[in-house]
Structure formats: C-alpha cells, structure tokens
Amino acid sequence: EAMGSKLGVAYSYLNLGNIHFRLGDDDKALGEYKRSLDLMYEMGD
C-alpha cells in the first residue's frame, strides 16, 4: 500500500481472503475477495 502497488495489494487481498477462510471467518474472507476482485477487474487480470 505504501509503495502504491495496485497489483501487489490485489494479490495480498486474495491471499488474505484464503487465510480468513481457513480461520473460519467467511465474512472477512468475502470482504477480502471483494477488494481483490475490484482491483483485478481494474487491471484486467
């Protein structure tokens, strides 16, 4: 985030979503995936 790396931030959100899912917190996982999804759409990934 400090670097302004949109790609890196999007990937971090995706990874964090996976982690929250493993921790059993579906709501947090869903939020992270949504943040990642929005950035992935912007970048065309």
All heavy atoms as atom14 arrays in JSON, in Angstrom:
{
  "sequence": "EAMGSKLGVAYSYLNLGNIHFRLGDDDKALGEYKRSLDLMYEMGD",
  "atom14_mask": [
    [1, 1, 1, 1, 1, 1, 1, 1, 1, 0, 0, 0, 0, 0],
    [1, 1, 1, 1, 1, 0, 0, 0, 0, 0, 0, 0, 0, 0],
    [1, 1, 1, 1, 1, 1, 1, 1, 0, 0, 0, 0, 0, 0],
    [1, 1, 1, 1, 0, 0, 0, 0, 0, 0, 0, 0, 0, 0],
    [1, 1, 1, 1, 1, 1, 0, 0, 0, 0, 0, 0, 0, 0],
    [1, 1, 1, 1, 1, 1, 1, 1, 1, 0, 0, 0, 0, 0],
    [1, 1, 1, 1, 1, 1, 1, 1, 0, 0, 0, 0, 0, 0],
    [1, 1, 1, 1, 0, 0, 0, 0, 0, 0, 0, 0, 0, 0],
    [1, 1, 1, 1, 1, 1, 1, 0, 0, 0, 0, 0, 0, 0],
    [1, 1, 1, 1, 1, 0, 0, 0, 0, 0, 0, 0, 0, 0],
    [1, 1, 1, 1, 1, 1, 1, 1, 1, 1, 1, 1, 0, 0],
    [1, 1, 1, 1, 1, 1, 0, 0, 0, 0, 0, 0, 0, 0],
    [1, 1, 1, 1, 1, 1, 1, 1, 1, 1, 1, 1, 0, 0],
    [1, 1, 1, 1, 1, 1, 1, 1, 0, 0, 0, 0, 0, 0],
    [1, 1, 1, 1, 1, 1, 1, 1, 0, 0, 0, 0, 0, 0],
    [1, 1, 1, 1, 1, 1, 1, 1, 0, 0, 0, 0, 0, 0],
    [1, 1, 1, 1, 0, 0, 0, 0, 0, 0, 0, 0, 0, 0],
    [1, 1, 1, 1, 1, 1, 1, 1, 0, 0, 0, 0, 0, 0],
    [1, 1, 1, 1, 1, 1, 1, 1, 0, 0, 0, 0, 0, 0],
    [1, 1, 1, 1, 1, 1, 1, 1, 1, 1, 0, 0, 0, 0],
    [1, 1, 1, 1, 1, 1, 1, 1, 1, 1, 1, 0, 0, 0],
    [1, 1, 1, 1, 1, 1, 1, 1, 1, 1, 1, 0, 0, 0],
    [1, 1, 1, 1, 1, 1, 1, 1, 0, 0, 0, 0, 0, 0],
    [1, 1, 1, 1, 0, 0, 0, 0, 0, 0, 0, 0, 0, 0],
    [1, 1, 1, 1, 1, 1, 1, 1, 0, 0, 0, 0, 0, 0],
    [1, 1, 1, 1, 1, 1, 1, 1, 0, 0, 0, 0, 0, 0],
    [1, 1, 1, 1, 1, 1, 1, 1, 0, 0, 0, 0, 0, 0],
    [1, 1, 1, 1, 1, 1, 1, 1, 1, 0, 0, 0, 0, 0],
    [1, 1, 1, 1, 1, 0, 0, 0, 0, 0, 0, 0, 0, 0],
    [1, 1, 1, 1, 1, 1, 1, 1, 0, 0, 0, 0, 0, 0],
    [1, 1, 1, 1, 0, 0, 0, 0, 0, 0, 0, 0, 0, 0],
    [1, 1, 1, 1, 1, 1, 1, 1, 1, 0, 0, 0, 0, 0],
    [1, 1, 1, 1, 1, 1, 1, 1, 1, 1, 1, 1, 0, 0],
    [1, 1, 1, 1, 1, 1, 1, 1, 1, 0, 0, 0, 0, 0],
    [1, 1, 1, 1, 1, 1, 1, 1, 1, 1, 1, 0, 0, 0],
    [1, 1, 1, 1, 1, 1, 0, 0, 0, 0, 0, 0, 0, 0],
    [1, 1, 1, 1, 1, 1, 1, 1, 0, 0, 0, 0, 0, 0],
    [1, 1, 1, 1, 1, 1, 1, 1, 0, 0, 0, 0, 0, 0],
    [1, 1, 1, 1, 1, 1, 1, 1, 0, 0, 0, 0, 0, 0],
    [1, 1, 1, 1, 1, 1, 1, 1, 0, 0, 0, 0, 0, 0],
    [1, 1, 1, 1, 1, 1, 1, 1, 1, 1, 1, 1, 0, 0],
    [1, 1, 1, 1, 1, 1, 1, 1, 1, 0, 0, 0, 0, 0],
    [1, 1, 1, 1, 1, 1, 1, 1, 0, 0, 0, 0, 0, 0],
    [1, 1, 1, 1, 0, 0, 0, 0, 0, 0, 0, 0, 0, 0],
    [1, 1, 1, 1, 1, 1, 1, 1, 0, 0, 0, 0, 0, 0]
  ],
  "atom14_positions": [
    [[0.83, -1.2, 0.0], [0.0, 0.0, 0.0], [0.87, 1.26, 0.0], [0.59, 2.22, -0.72], [-0.92, -0.01, 1.22], [-2.06, -1.03, 1.12], [-2.89, -1.12, 2.38], [-2.34, -0.82, 3.48], [-4.07, -1.49, 2.28], [0.0, 0.0, 0.0], [0.0, 0.0, 0.0], [0.0, 0.0, 0.0], [0.0, 0.0, 0.0], [0.0, 0.0, 0.0]],
    [[1.94, 1.24, 0.81], [2.84, 2.39, 0.88], [3.56, 2.61, -0.45], [3.85, 3.75, -0.84], [3.86, 2.2, 2.0], [0.0, 0.0, 0.0], [0.0, 0.0, 0.0], [0.0, 0.0, 0.0], [0.0, 0.0, 0.0], [0.0, 0.0, 0.0], [0.0, 0.0, 0.0], [0.0, 0.0, 0.0], [0.0, 0.0, 0.0], [0.0, 0.0, 0.0]],
    [[3.84, 1.5, -1.17], [4.5, 1.58, -2.46], [3.55, 2.01, -3.57], [3.99, 2.37, -4.66], [5.1, 0.21, -2.82], [6.27, -0.23, -1.97], [6.75, -1.95, -2.34], [7.1, -1.88, -4.09], [0.0, 0.0, 0.0], [0.0, 0.0, 0.0], [0.0, 0.0, 0.0], [0.0, 0.0, 0.0], [0.0, 0.0, 0.0], [0.0, 0.0, 0.0]],
    [[2.26, 1.92, -3.32], [1.29, 2.22, -4.36], [1.2, 1.12, -5.4], [0.85, 1.38, -6.56], [0.0, 0.0, 0.0], [0.0, 0.0, 0.0], [0.0, 0.0, 0.0], [0.0, 0.0, 0.0], [0.0, 0.0, 0.0], [0.0, 0.0, 0.0], [0.0, 0.0, 0.0], [0.0, 0.0, 0.0], [0.0, 0.0, 0.0], [0.0, 0.0, 0.0]],
    [[1.49, -0.12, -5.0], [1.45, -1.26, -5.91], [0.05, -1.86, -5.96], [-0.32, -2.67, -5.11], [2.47, -2.33, -5.49], [2.32, -3.51, -6.25], [0.0, 0.0, 0.0], [0.0, 0.0, 0.0], [0.0, 0.0, 0.0], [0.0, 0.0, 0.0], [0.0, 0.0, 0.0], [0.0, 0.0, 0.0], [0.0, 0.0, 0.0], [0.0, 0.0, 0.0]],
    [[-0.73, -1.47, -6.95], [-2.1, -1.96, -7.06], [-2.12, -3.48, -7.24], [-2.95, -4.18, -6.66], [-2.81, -1.27, -8.22], [-4.29, -1.62, -8.32], [-4.95, -0.91, -9.5], [-5.09, 0.57, -9.27], [-5.9, 1.22, -10.34], [0.0, 0.0, 0.0], [0.0, 0.0, 0.0], [0.0, 0.0, 0.0], [0.0, 0.0, 0.0], [0.0, 0.0, 0.0]],
    [[-1.2, -3.98, -8.06], [-1.12, -5.41, -8.29], [-0.8, -6.15, -7.0], [-1.45, -7.14, -6.65], [-0.04, -5.72, -9.34], [0.19, -7.2, -9.66], [-1.03, -7.8, -10.33], [1.42, -7.36, -10.55], [0.0, 0.0, 0.0], [0.0, 0.0, 0.0], [0.0, 0.0, 0.0], [0.0, 0.0, 0.0], [0.0, 0.0, 0.0], [0.0, 0.0, 0.0]],
    [[0.21, -5.68, -6.28], [0.59, -6.32, -5.03], [-0.54, -6.3, -4.02], [-0.79, -7.29, -3.32], [0.0, 0.0, 0.0], [0.0, 0.0, 0.0], [0.0, 0.0, 0.0], [0.0, 0.0, 0.0], [0.0, 0.0, 0.0], [0.0, 0.0, 0.0], [0.0, 0.0, 0.0], [0.0, 0.0, 0.0], [0.0, 0.0, 0.0], [0.0, 0.0, 0.0]],
    [[-1.22, -5.17, -3.91], [-2.34, -5.05, -2.97], [-3.45, -6.04, -3.34], [-4.01, -6.72, -2.47], [-2.88, -3.6, -2.96], [-4.21, -3.53, -2.21], [-1.86, -2.67, -2.31], [0.0, 0.0, 0.0], [0.0, 0.0, 0.0], [0.0, 0.0, 0.0], [0.0, 0.0, 0.0], [0.0, 0.0, 0.0], [0.0, 0.0, 0.0], [0.0, 0.0, 0.0]],
    [[-3.76, -6.14, -4.62], [-4.81, -7.07, -5.07], [-4.46, -8.5, -4.71], [-5.31, -9.28, -4.26], [-5.01, -6.93, -6.58], [0.0, 0.0, 0.0], [0.0, 0.0, 0.0], [0.0, 0.0, 0.0], [0.0, 0.0, 0.0], [0.0, 0.0, 0.0], [0.0, 0.0, 0.0], [0.0, 0.0, 0.0], [0.0, 0.0, 0.0], [0.0, 0.0, 0.0]],
    [[-3.18, -8.87, -4.92], [-2.76, -10.23, -4.59], [-2.79, -10.47, -3.09], [-3.13, -11.56, -2.62], [-1.35, -10.47, -5.13], [-1.27, -10.69, -6.62], [-2.4, -10.67, -7.42], [-0.05, -10.93, -7.24], [-2.33, -10.87, -8.79], [0.04, -11.13, -8.62], [-1.11, -11.11, -9.39], [-1.03, -11.31, -10.73], [0.0, 0.0, 0.0], [0.0, 0.0, 0.0]],
    [[-2.44, -9.44, -2.32], [-2.49, -9.57, -0.86], [-3.92, -9.81, -0.39], [-4.17, -10.65, 0.48], [-1.92, -8.32, -0.18], [-0.52, -8.3, -0.23], [0.0, 0.0, 0.0], [0.0, 0.0, 0.0], [0.0, 0.0, 0.0], [0.0, 0.0, 0.0], [0.0, 0.0, 0.0], [0.0, 0.0, 0.0], [0.0, 0.0, 0.0], [0.0, 0.0, 0.0]],
    [[-4.86, -9.07, -0.96], [-6.26, -9.27, -0.58], [-6.71, -10.7, -0.88], [-7.44, -11.32, -0.1], [-7.16, -8.28, -1.33], [-7.1, -6.85, -0.85], [-7.34, -5.8, -1.74], [-6.82, -6.54, 0.48], [-7.3, -4.48, -1.32], [-6.77, -5.22, 0.9], [-7.01, -4.2, 0.0], [-6.97, -2.89, 0.42], [0.0, 0.0, 0.0], [0.0, 0.0, 0.0]],
    [[-6.28, -11.22, -2.03], [-6.64, -12.59, -2.4], [-6.06, -13.58, -1.39], [-6.75, -14.49, -0.91], [-6.14, -12.9, -3.81], [-6.35, -14.32, -4.35], [-7.82, -14.72, -4.27], [-5.84, -14.43, -5.78], [0.0, 0.0, 0.0], [0.0, 0.0, 0.0], [0.0, 0.0, 0.0], [0.0, 0.0, 0.0], [0.0, 0.0, 0.0], [0.0, 0.0, 0.0]],
    [[-4.78, -13.4, -1.06], [-4.15, -14.28, -0.08], [-4.82, -14.18, 1.29], [-5.04, -15.19, 1.97], [-2.66, -13.94, 0.05], [-1.85, -14.4, -1.16], [-2.29, -15.26, -1.91], [-0.69, -13.81, -1.35], [0.0, 0.0, 0.0], [0.0, 0.0, 0.0], [0.0, 0.0, 0.0], [0.0, 0.0, 0.0], [0.0, 0.0, 0.0], [0.0, 0.0, 0.0]],
    [[-5.16, -12.95, 1.7], [-5.81, -12.75, 2.99], [-7.2, -13.37, 3.01], [-7.63, -13.91, 4.05], [-5.88, -11.26, 3.31], [-4.55, -10.6, 3.69], [-4.68, -9.08, 3.67], [-4.08, -11.08, 5.05], [0.0, 0.0, 0.0], [0.0, 0.0, 0.0], [0.0, 0.0, 0.0], [0.0, 0.0, 0.0], [0.0, 0.0, 0.0], [0.0, 0.0, 0.0]],
    [[-7.89, -13.33, 1.89], [-9.18, -13.99, 1.81], [-9.05, -15.48, 2.06], [-9.85, -16.09, 2.8], [0.0, 0.0, 0.0], [0.0, 0.0, 0.0], [0.0, 0.0, 0.0], [0.0, 0.0, 0.0], [0.0, 0.0, 0.0], [0.0, 0.0, 0.0], [0.0, 0.0, 0.0], [0.0, 0.0, 0.0], [0.0, 0.0, 0.0], [0.0, 0.0, 0.0]],
    [[-8.04, -16.1, 1.45], [-7.81, -17.53, 1.66], [-7.51, -17.84, 3.12], [-7.96, -18.84, 3.67], [-6.64, -18.0, 0.79], [-6.95, -17.96, -0.69], [-8.11, -17.98, -1.1], [-5.92, -17.9, -1.52], [0.0, 0.0, 0.0], [0.0, 0.0, 0.0], [0.0, 0.0, 0.0], [0.0, 0.0, 0.0], [0.0, 0.0, 0.0], [0.0, 0.0, 0.0]],
    [[-6.73, -16.95, 3.75], [-6.36, -17.17, 5.16], [-7.59, -17.06, 6.06], [-7.81, -17.91, 6.95], [-5.28, -16.17, 5.59], [-3.95, -16.5, 4.89], [-5.09, -16.2, 7.11], [-2.88, -15.45, 5.07], [0.0, 0.0, 0.0], [0.0, 0.0, 0.0], [0.0, 0.0, 0.0], [0.0, 0.0, 0.0], [0.0, 0.0, 0.0], [0.0, 0.0, 0.0]],
    [[-8.4, -16.03, 5.86], [-9.6, -15.88, 6.7], [-10.56, -17.04, 6.5], [-11.23, -17.46, 7.46], [-10.29, -14.55, 6.39], [-9.57, -13.36, 6.96], [-9.29, -13.24, 8.31], [-9.06, -12.25, 6.37], [-8.66, -12.1, 8.53], [-8.49, -11.5, 7.37], [0.0, 0.0, 0.0], [0.0, 0.0, 0.0], [0.0, 0.0, 0.0], [0.0, 0.0, 0.0]],
    [[-10.61, -17.58, 5.27], [-11.45, -18.75, 5.04], [-10.94, -19.92, 5.88], [-11.72, -20.63, 6.52], [-11.45, -19.13, 3.56], [-12.23, -20.39, 3.27], [-13.61, -20.34, 3.16], [-11.58, -21.6, 3.12], [-14.34, -21.51, 2.9], [-12.29, -22.76, 2.86], [-13.67, -22.72, 2.75], [0.0, 0.0, 0.0], [0.0, 0.0, 0.0], [0.0, 0.0, 0.0]],
    [[-9.64, -20.11, 5.9], [-9.06, -21.21, 6.69], [-9.27, -21.0, 8.19], [-9.35, -21.96, 8.95], [-7.58, -21.35, 6.39], [-7.3, -21.87, 4.99], [-5.86, -22.32, 4.85], [-5.61, -22.85, 3.51], [-4.54, -23.56, 3.19], [-3.63, -23.83, 4.09], [-4.39, -24.0, 1.95], [0.0, 0.0, 0.0], [0.0, 0.0, 0.0], [0.0, 0.0, 0.0]],
    [[-9.35, -19.74, 8.59], [-9.61, -19.44, 10.0], [-11.1, -19.54, 10.34], [-11.48, -19.38, 11.5], [-9.1, -18.03, 10.34], [-7.58, -17.87, 10.4], [-7.21, -16.39, 10.5], [-7.0, -18.65, 11.59], [0.0, 0.0, 0.0], [0.0, 0.0, 0.0], [0.0, 0.0, 0.0], [0.0, 0.0, 0.0], [0.0, 0.0, 0.0], [0.0, 0.0, 0.0]],
    [[-11.93, -19.79, 9.32], [-13.35, -19.98, 9.55], [-14.16, -18.71, 9.58], [-15.32, -18.72, 10.01], [0.0, 0.0, 0.0], [0.0, 0.0, 0.0], [0.0, 0.0, 0.0], [0.0, 0.0, 0.0], [0.0, 0.0, 0.0], [0.0, 0.0, 0.0], [0.0, 0.0, 0.0], [0.0, 0.0, 0.0], [0.0, 0.0, 0.0], [0.0, 0.0, 0.0]],
    [[-13.58, -17.59, 9.12], [-14.29, -16.31, 9.12], [-14.73, -15.99, 7.7], [-14.04, -15.29, 6.96], [-13.4, -15.2, 9.68], [-14.18, -13.94, 10.03], [-15.21, -13.7, 9.38], [-13.75, -13.21, 10.93], [0.0, 0.0, 0.0], [0.0, 0.0, 0.0], [0.0, 0.0, 0.0], [0.0, 0.0, 0.0], [0.0, 0.0, 0.0], [0.0, 0.0, 0.0]],
    [[-15.9, -16.51, 7.31], [-16.38, -16.34, 5.94], [-16.63, -14.87, 5.59], [-16.4, -14.45, 4.45], [-17.67, -17.14, 5.73], [-17.41, -18.63, 5.56], [-16.23, -19.01, 5.5], [-18.39, -19.39, 5.5], [0.0, 0.0, 0.0], [0.0, 0.0, 0.0], [0.0, 0.0, 0.0], [0.0, 0.0, 0.0], [0.0, 0.0, 0.0], [0.0, 0.0, 0.0]],
    [[-17.13, -14.09, 6.54], [-17.43, -12.69, 6.25], [-16.16, -11.9, 5.93], [-16.13, -11.11, 4.98], [-18.16, -12.05, 7.44], [-19.59, -12.55, 7.57], [-20.16, -12.99, 6.54], [-20.13, -12.53, 8.68], [0.0, 0.0, 0.0], [0.0, 0.0, 0.0], [0.0, 0.0, 0.0], [0.0, 0.0, 0.0], [0.0, 0.0, 0.0], [0.0, 0.0, 0.0]],
    [[-15.11, -12.11, 6.71], [-13.84, -11.42, 6.44], [-13.25, -11.9, 5.12], [-12.71, -11.11, 4.34], [-12.85, -11.64, 7.58], [-13.07, -10.73, 8.77], [-11.92, -10.84, 9.75], [-12.1, -9.86, 10.91], [-10.99, -9.95, 11.89], [0.0, 0.0, 0.0], [0.0, 0.0, 0.0], [0.0, 0.0, 0.0], [0.0, 0.0, 0.0], [0.0, 0.0, 0.0]],
    [[-13.33, -13.2, 4.88], [-12.81, -13.75, 3.61], [-13.54, -13.12, 2.43], [-12.92, -12.72, 1.45], [-12.98, -15.27, 3.6], [0.0, 0.0, 0.0], [0.0, 0.0, 0.0], [0.0, 0.0, 0.0], [0.0, 0.0, 0.0], [0.0, 0.0, 0.0], [0.0, 0.0, 0.0], [0.0, 0.0, 0.0], [0.0, 0.0, 0.0], [0.0, 0.0, 0.0]],
    [[-14.86, -13.02, 2.54], [-15.66, -12.45, 1.46], [-15.27, -10.99, 1.2], [-15.15, -10.57, 0.04], [-17.14, -12.53, 1.84], [-18.16, -12.31, 0.73], [-17.99, -13.33, -0.39], [-19.57, -12.39, 1.31], [0.0, 0.0, 0.0], [0.0, 0.0, 0.0], [0.0, 0.0, 0.0], [0.0, 0.0, 0.0], [0.0, 0.0, 0.0], [0.0, 0.0, 0.0]],
    [[-15.03, -10.25, 2.27], [-14.63, -8.86, 2.12], [-13.29, -8.71, 1.4], [-13.12, -7.85, 0.53], [0.0, 0.0, 0.0], [0.0, 0.0, 0.0], [0.0, 0.0, 0.0], [0.0, 0.0, 0.0], [0.0, 0.0, 0.0], [0.0, 0.0, 0.0], [0.0, 0.0, 0.0], [0.0, 0.0, 0.0], [0.0, 0.0, 0.0], [0.0, 0.0, 0.0]],
    [[-12.33, -9.58, 1.75], [-11.01, -9.53, 1.11], [-11.11, -9.91, -0.37], [-10.48, -9.28, -1.23], [-10.03, -10.46, 1.83], [-9.78, -10.12, 3.28], [-9.01, -8.83, 3.49], [-8.66, -8.14, 2.5], [-8.76, -8.48, 4.65], [0.0, 0.0, 0.0], [0.0, 0.0, 0.0], [0.0, 0.0, 0.0], [0.0, 0.0, 0.0], [0.0, 0.0, 0.0]],
    [[-11.91, -10.94, -0.67], [-12.08, -11.33, -2.07], [-12.72, -10.22, -2.89], [-12.36, -9.99, -4.04], [-12.92, -12.6, -2.19], [-12.25, -13.85, -1.71], [-12.93, -14.79, -0.93], [-10.92, -14.13, -2.03], [-12.31, -15.95, -0.5], [-10.3, -15.28, -1.59], [-11.0, -16.19, -0.83], [-10.39, -17.34, -0.39], [0.0, 0.0, 0.0], [0.0, 0.0, 0.0]],
    [[-13.69, -9.53, -2.28], [-14.36, -8.43, -2.99], [-13.36, -7.31, -3.28], [-13.35, -6.75, -4.39], [-15.52, -7.9, -2.14], [-16.29, -6.75, -2.77], [-17.0, -7.18, -4.04], [-18.01, -6.15, -4.54], [-17.38, -4.86, -4.88], [0.0, 0.0, 0.0], [0.0, 0.0, 0.0], [0.0, 0.0, 0.0], [0.0, 0.0, 0.0], [0.0, 0.0, 0.0]],
    [[-12.51, -6.98, -2.33], [-11.49, -5.94, -2.56], [-10.53, -6.38, -3.67], [-10.18, -5.59, -4.55], [-10.7, -5.69, -1.27], [-11.51, -5.05, -0.16], [-10.63, -4.73, 1.05], [-11.43, -4.25, 2.16], [-11.9, -5.0, 3.14], [-11.64, -6.3, 3.15], [-12.61, -4.48, 4.12], [0.0, 0.0, 0.0], [0.0, 0.0, 0.0], [0.0, 0.0, 0.0]],
    [[-10.12, -7.64, -3.62], [-9.23, -8.15, -4.66], [-9.93, -8.15, -6.01], [-9.35, -7.72, -7.02], [-8.78, -9.58, -4.31], [-7.89, -10.07, -5.28], [0.0, 0.0, 0.0], [0.0, 0.0, 0.0], [0.0, 0.0, 0.0], [0.0, 0.0, 0.0], [0.0, 0.0, 0.0], [0.0, 0.0, 0.0], [0.0, 0.0, 0.0], [0.0, 0.0, 0.0]],
    [[-11.18, -8.58, -6.04], [-11.94, -8.65, -7.28], [-12.04, -7.28, -7.95], [-11.83, -7.16, -9.16], [-13.34, -9.2, -7.01], [-14.27, -9.34, -8.21], [-13.75, -10.4, -9.17], [-15.69, -9.7, -7.74], [0.0, 0.0, 0.0], [0.0, 0.0, 0.0], [0.0, 0.0, 0.0], [0.0, 0.0, 0.0], [0.0, 0.0, 0.0], [0.0, 0.0, 0.0]],
    [[-12.34, -6.26, -7.17], [-12.48, -4.92, -7.73], [-11.18, -4.47, -8.4], [-11.19, -3.89, -9.5], [-12.87, -3.93, -6.64], [-14.31, -4.13, -6.15], [-15.07, -4.81, -6.86], [-14.64, -3.63, -5.06], [0.0, 0.0, 0.0], [0.0, 0.0, 0.0], [0.0, 0.0, 0.0], [0.0, 0.0, 0.0], [0.0, 0.0, 0.0], [0.0, 0.0, 0.0]],
    [[-10.05, -4.73, -7.74], [-8.76, -4.33, -8.31], [-8.4, -5.18, -9.52], [-7.85, -4.68, -10.5], [-7.66, -4.44, -7.24], [-7.71, -3.39, -6.13], [-6.66, -3.69, -5.06], [-7.47, -1.99, -6.69], [0.0, 0.0, 0.0], [0.0, 0.0, 0.0], [0.0, 0.0, 0.0], [0.0, 0.0, 0.0], [0.0, 0.0, 0.0], [0.0, 0.0, 0.0]],
    [[-8.72, -6.49, -9.46], [-8.43, -7.37, -10.59], [-9.21, -6.93, -11.83], [-8.69, -6.95, -12.95], [-8.77, -8.82, -10.24], [-7.98, -9.42, -9.11], [-6.2, -9.49, -9.4], [-5.7, -10.4, -7.93], [0.0, 0.0, 0.0], [0.0, 0.0, 0.0], [0.0, 0.0, 0.0], [0.0, 0.0, 0.0], [0.0, 0.0, 0.0], [0.0, 0.0, 0.0]],
    [[-10.45, -6.53, -11.63], [-11.25, -6.02, -12.75], [-10.59, -4.78, -13.35], [-10.5, -4.63, -14.58], [-12.66, -5.67, -12.29], [-13.67, -6.79, -12.39], [-14.46, -7.13, -11.3], [-13.85, -7.49, -13.58], [-15.4, -8.15, -11.39], [-14.78, -8.51, -13.68], [-15.55, -8.84, -12.58], [-16.49, -9.85, -12.68], [0.0, 0.0, 0.0], [0.0, 0.0, 0.0]],
    [[-10.14, -3.88, -12.49], [-9.49, -2.64, -12.95], [-8.26, -2.95, -13.8], [-8.0, -2.28, -14.8], [-9.07, -1.79, -11.75], [-10.2, -1.03, -11.08], [-9.68, -0.14, -9.97], [-8.53, 0.34, -10.08], [-10.41, 0.07, -8.98], [0.0, 0.0, 0.0], [0.0, 0.0, 0.0], [0.0, 0.0, 0.0], [0.0, 0.0, 0.0], [0.0, 0.0, 0.0]],
    [[-7.5, -3.96, -13.39], [-6.24, -4.28, -14.08], [-6.43, -5.27, -15.22], [-5.49, -5.54, -15.96], [-5.23, -4.84, -13.06], [-4.8, -3.83, -12.03], [-3.58, -4.51, -10.87], [-4.58, -5.7, -10.01], [0.0, 0.0, 0.0], [0.0, 0.0, 0.0], [0.0, 0.0, 0.0], [0.0, 0.0, 0.0], [0.0, 0.0, 0.0], [0.0, 0.0, 0.0]],
    [[-7.63, -5.84, -15.33], [-7.87, -6.81, -16.39], [-7.22, -8.16, -16.16], [-6.94, -8.89, -17.12], [0.0, 0.0, 0.0], [0.0, 0.0, 0.0], [0.0, 0.0, 0.0], [0.0, 0.0, 0.0], [0.0, 0.0, 0.0], [0.0, 0.0, 0.0], [0.0, 0.0, 0.0], [0.0, 0.0, 0.0], [0.0, 0.0, 0.0], [0.0, 0.0, 0.0]],
    [[-6.99, -8.51, -14.9], [-6.37, -9.79, -14.56], [-7.47, -10.84, -14.48], [-7.95, -11.21, -13.41], [-5.62, -9.68, -13.23], [-4.74, -10.89, -12.95], [-5.0, -11.96, -13.54], [-3.82, -10.77, -12.13], [0.0, 0.0, 0.0], [0.0, 0.0, 0.0], [0.0, 0.0, 0.0], [0.0, 0.0, 0.0], [0.0, 0.0, 0.0], [0.0, 0.0, 0.0]]
  ]
}
